[in-house]
Amino acid sequence: MTSWPSSKAKQVLSALYRIGWTLKRQSGSHKTLSRPGWPDVVFAFHDGEEIGRRMLARIAKRTGLTPEDL
């Protein structure tokens, strides 16, 4: 399967900020993140929400996140 551990959304968002993503805009719980050279990504999870392994793999594909970043 995947080598991703399930993680809290707050931890994933922090990891995205560390690798260069910035908050472009926010509408409610939907955060639009941007990073030069990448298309914008919508992050629509509440801080305490658990993100599973498959969803983390999908997020990683669009953002360049690695398991070591968490």
N, C-alpha and C. Protein backbone atom coordinates (compact mmCIF):
# COMPACT_ATOMS: atom_id res chain seq x y z
N MET A 1 0.83 -1.18 0.00
CA MET A 1 0.00 0.00 0.00
C MET A 1 0.88 1.25 0.00
N THR A 2 0.69 2.15 0.95
CA THR A 2 1.51 3.35 0.99
C THR A 2 2.31 3.39 2.28
N SER A 3 3.34 4.21 2.30
CA SER A 3 4.18 4.31 3.49
C SER A 3 3.77 5.50 4.36
N TRP A 4 2.57 6.01 4.13
CA TRP A 4 2.09 7.19 4.86
C TRP A 4 1.42 6.78 6.16
N PRO A 5 1.77 7.45 7.27
CA PRO A 5 1.01 7.24 8.50
C PRO A 5 -0.19 8.18 8.49
N SER A 6 -1.30 7.79 9.11
CA SER A 6 -2.41 8.73 9.19
C SER A 6 -1.99 9.85 10.14
N SER A 7 -2.43 11.07 9.85
CA SER A 7 -1.99 12.25 10.61
C SER A 7 -3.13 13.23 10.78
N LYS A 8 -3.00 14.09 11.76
CA LYS A 8 -3.97 15.15 11.97
C LYS A 8 -3.77 16.22 10.90
N ALA A 9 -4.86 16.86 10.51
CA ALA A 9 -4.81 17.87 9.46
C ALA A 9 -3.89 19.03 9.85
N LYS A 10 -3.88 19.40 11.11
CA LYS A 10 -3.03 20.51 11.57
C LYS A 10 -1.55 20.19 11.32
N GLN A 11 -1.16 18.95 11.55
CA GLN A 11 0.22 18.51 11.33
C GLN A 11 0.57 18.53 9.84
N VAL A 12 -0.35 18.10 9.00
CA VAL A 12 -0.12 18.08 7.55
C VAL A 12 0.01 19.51 7.03
N LEU A 13 -0.87 20.40 7.48
CA LEU A 13 -0.81 21.79 7.04
C LEU A 13 0.51 22.44 7.46
N SER A 14 0.96 22.17 8.67
CA SER A 14 2.25 22.70 9.14
C SER A 14 3.40 22.20 8.26
N ALA A 15 3.34 20.93 7.88
CA ALA A 15 4.38 20.36 7.02
C ALA A 15 4.37 21.04 5.65
N LEU A 16 3.17 21.33 5.12
CA LEU A 16 3.08 22.01 3.83
C LEU A 16 3.69 23.41 3.91
N TYR A 17 3.42 24.12 5.00
CA TYR A 17 4.02 25.45 5.18
C TYR A 17 5.54 25.35 5.26
N ARG A 18 6.05 24.32 5.93
CA ARG A 18 7.51 24.16 6.06
C ARG A 18 8.19 23.92 4.72
N ILE A 19 7.52 23.24 3.78
CA ILE A 19 8.16 22.95 2.49
C ILE A 19 7.90 24.04 1.45
N GLY A 20 7.31 25.15 1.87
CA GLY A 20 7.22 26.30 0.97
C GLY A 20 5.84 26.73 0.53
N TRP A 21 4.78 26.04 0.94
CA TRP A 21 3.43 26.45 0.58
C TRP A 21 3.01 27.62 1.45
N THR A 22 2.26 28.55 0.88
CA THR A 22 1.76 29.70 1.63
C THR A 22 0.25 29.80 1.45
N LEU A 23 -0.39 30.45 2.41
CA LEU A 23 -1.83 30.65 2.35
C LEU A 23 -2.13 31.79 1.39
N LYS A 24 -2.85 31.50 0.33
CA LYS A 24 -3.20 32.50 -0.67
C LYS A 24 -4.50 33.19 -0.28
N ARG A 25 -5.49 32.39 0.10
CA ARG A 25 -6.77 32.92 0.58
C ARG A 25 -7.49 31.82 1.35
N GLN A 26 -8.52 32.26 2.10
CA GLN A 26 -9.28 31.31 2.89
C GLN A 26 -10.75 31.70 2.87
N SER A 27 -11.61 30.71 2.70
CA SER A 27 -13.05 30.91 2.75
C SER A 27 -13.61 29.83 3.67
N GLY A 28 -13.90 30.18 4.90
CA GLY A 28 -14.34 29.20 5.88
C GLY A 28 -13.20 28.26 6.21
N SER A 29 -13.43 26.96 6.09
CA SER A 29 -12.37 25.99 6.37
C SER A 29 -11.58 25.62 5.12
N HIS A 30 -11.92 26.20 3.98
CA HIS A 30 -11.21 25.92 2.73
C HIS A 30 -10.05 26.90 2.57
N LYS A 31 -8.83 26.36 2.64
CA LYS A 31 -7.63 27.18 2.48
C LYS A 31 -7.04 26.92 1.10
N THR A 32 -6.79 27.97 0.34
CA THR A 32 -6.13 27.83 -0.95
C THR A 32 -4.65 28.12 -0.73
N LEU A 33 -3.81 27.12 -1.02
CA LEU A 33 -2.38 27.24 -0.82
C LEU A 33 -1.69 27.42 -2.16
N SER A 34 -0.61 28.21 -2.16
CA SER A 34 0.14 28.40 -3.40
C SER A 34 1.63 28.21 -3.13
N ARG A 35 2.33 27.83 -4.19
CA ARG A 35 3.78 27.64 -4.14
C ARG A 35 4.29 27.87 -5.56
N PRO A 36 5.35 28.65 -5.72
CA PRO A 36 5.86 28.89 -7.08
C PRO A 36 6.22 27.58 -7.79
N GLY A 37 5.77 27.47 -9.03
CA GLY A 37 6.06 26.29 -9.84
C GLY A 37 5.04 25.18 -9.68
N TRP A 38 4.05 25.35 -8.84
CA TRP A 38 3.02 24.34 -8.60
C TRP A 38 1.65 24.96 -8.79
N PRO A 39 0.66 24.20 -9.25
CA PRO A 39 -0.71 24.75 -9.29
C PRO A 39 -1.25 24.89 -7.87
N ASP A 40 -2.17 25.84 -7.68
CA ASP A 40 -2.77 26.05 -6.36
C ASP A 40 -3.49 24.78 -5.89
N VAL A 41 -3.53 24.61 -4.57
CA VAL A 41 -4.16 23.45 -3.95
C VAL A 41 -5.15 23.93 -2.90
N VAL A 42 -6.33 23.33 -2.86
CA VAL A 42 -7.32 23.64 -1.83
C VAL A 42 -7.19 22.61 -0.72
N PHE A 43 -6.96 23.10 0.49
CA PHE A 43 -6.85 22.24 1.67
C PHE A 43 -8.11 22.46 2.49
N ALA A 44 -9.01 21.48 2.53
CA ALA A 44 -10.33 21.67 3.13
C ALA A 44 -10.57 20.73 4.31
N PHE A 45 -9.65 20.73 5.27
CA PHE A 45 -9.78 19.88 6.44
C PHE A 45 -9.76 20.74 7.70
N HIS A 46 -10.51 20.32 8.72
CA HIS A 46 -10.46 20.99 10.01
C HIS A 46 -9.23 20.50 10.77
N ASP A 47 -8.66 21.34 11.65
CA ASP A 47 -7.40 21.04 12.33
C ASP A 47 -7.37 19.69 13.03
N GLY A 48 -8.41 19.33 13.73
CA GLY A 48 -8.41 18.08 14.49
C GLY A 48 -8.77 16.85 13.71
N GLU A 49 -9.11 17.03 12.45
CA GLU A 49 -9.55 15.92 11.61
C GLU A 49 -8.37 15.00 11.26
N GLU A 50 -8.64 13.69 11.31
CA GLU A 50 -7.63 12.69 10.96
C GLU A 50 -7.65 12.48 9.44
N ILE A 51 -6.47 12.57 8.82
CA ILE A 51 -6.36 12.33 7.38
C ILE A 51 -5.72 10.96 7.19
N GLY A 52 -6.39 10.11 6.47
CA GLY A 52 -5.92 8.74 6.26
C GLY A 52 -4.77 8.64 5.28
N ARG A 53 -4.24 7.43 5.18
CA ARG A 53 -3.06 7.17 4.36
C ARG A 53 -3.31 7.43 2.88
N ARG A 54 -4.46 7.02 2.36
CA ARG A 54 -4.73 7.20 0.93
C ARG A 54 -4.88 8.67 0.57
N MET A 55 -5.57 9.43 1.44
CA MET A 55 -5.74 10.85 1.18
C MET A 55 -4.40 11.57 1.28
N LEU A 56 -3.56 11.17 2.22
CA LEU A 56 -2.22 11.77 2.32
C LEU A 56 -1.41 11.51 1.05
N ALA A 57 -1.53 10.33 0.50
CA ALA A 57 -0.82 10.02 -0.74
C ALA A 57 -1.31 10.91 -1.89
N ARG A 58 -2.62 11.18 -1.93
CA ARG A 58 -3.17 12.07 -2.96
C ARG A 58 -2.69 13.50 -2.77
N ILE A 59 -2.67 13.95 -1.52
CA ILE A 59 -2.18 15.30 -1.23
C ILE A 59 -0.72 15.40 -1.63
N ALA A 60 0.06 14.37 -1.32
CA ALA A 60 1.49 14.38 -1.63
C ALA A 60 1.74 14.48 -3.13
N LYS A 61 0.92 13.81 -3.90
CA LYS A 61 1.08 13.82 -5.36
C LYS A 61 0.92 15.24 -5.91
N ARG A 62 0.01 16.02 -5.31
CA ARG A 62 -0.26 17.37 -5.78
C ARG A 62 0.64 18.43 -5.16
N THR A 63 1.31 18.11 -4.03
CA THR A 63 2.06 19.14 -3.31
C THR A 63 3.55 18.87 -3.19
N GLY A 64 4.00 17.65 -3.43
CA GLY A 64 5.41 17.34 -3.27
C GLY A 64 5.76 16.96 -1.84
N LEU A 65 4.77 16.74 -0.99
CA LEU A 65 4.98 16.36 0.40
C LEU A 65 5.53 14.93 0.45
N THR A 66 6.44 14.67 1.37
CA THR A 66 6.99 13.33 1.57
C THR A 66 6.70 12.88 2.99
N PRO A 67 6.72 11.57 3.26
CA PRO A 67 6.48 11.10 4.64
C PRO A 67 7.47 11.68 5.63
N GLU A 68 8.69 11.96 5.19
CA GLU A 68 9.70 12.53 6.09
C GLU A 68 9.37 13.97 6.50
N ASP A 69 8.55 14.66 5.71
CA ASP A 69 8.18 16.05 6.03
C ASP A 69 7.25 16.13 7.23
N LEU A 70 6.53 15.03 7.50
CA LEU A 70 5.59 15.04 8.62
C LEU A 70 6.29 14.85 9.91
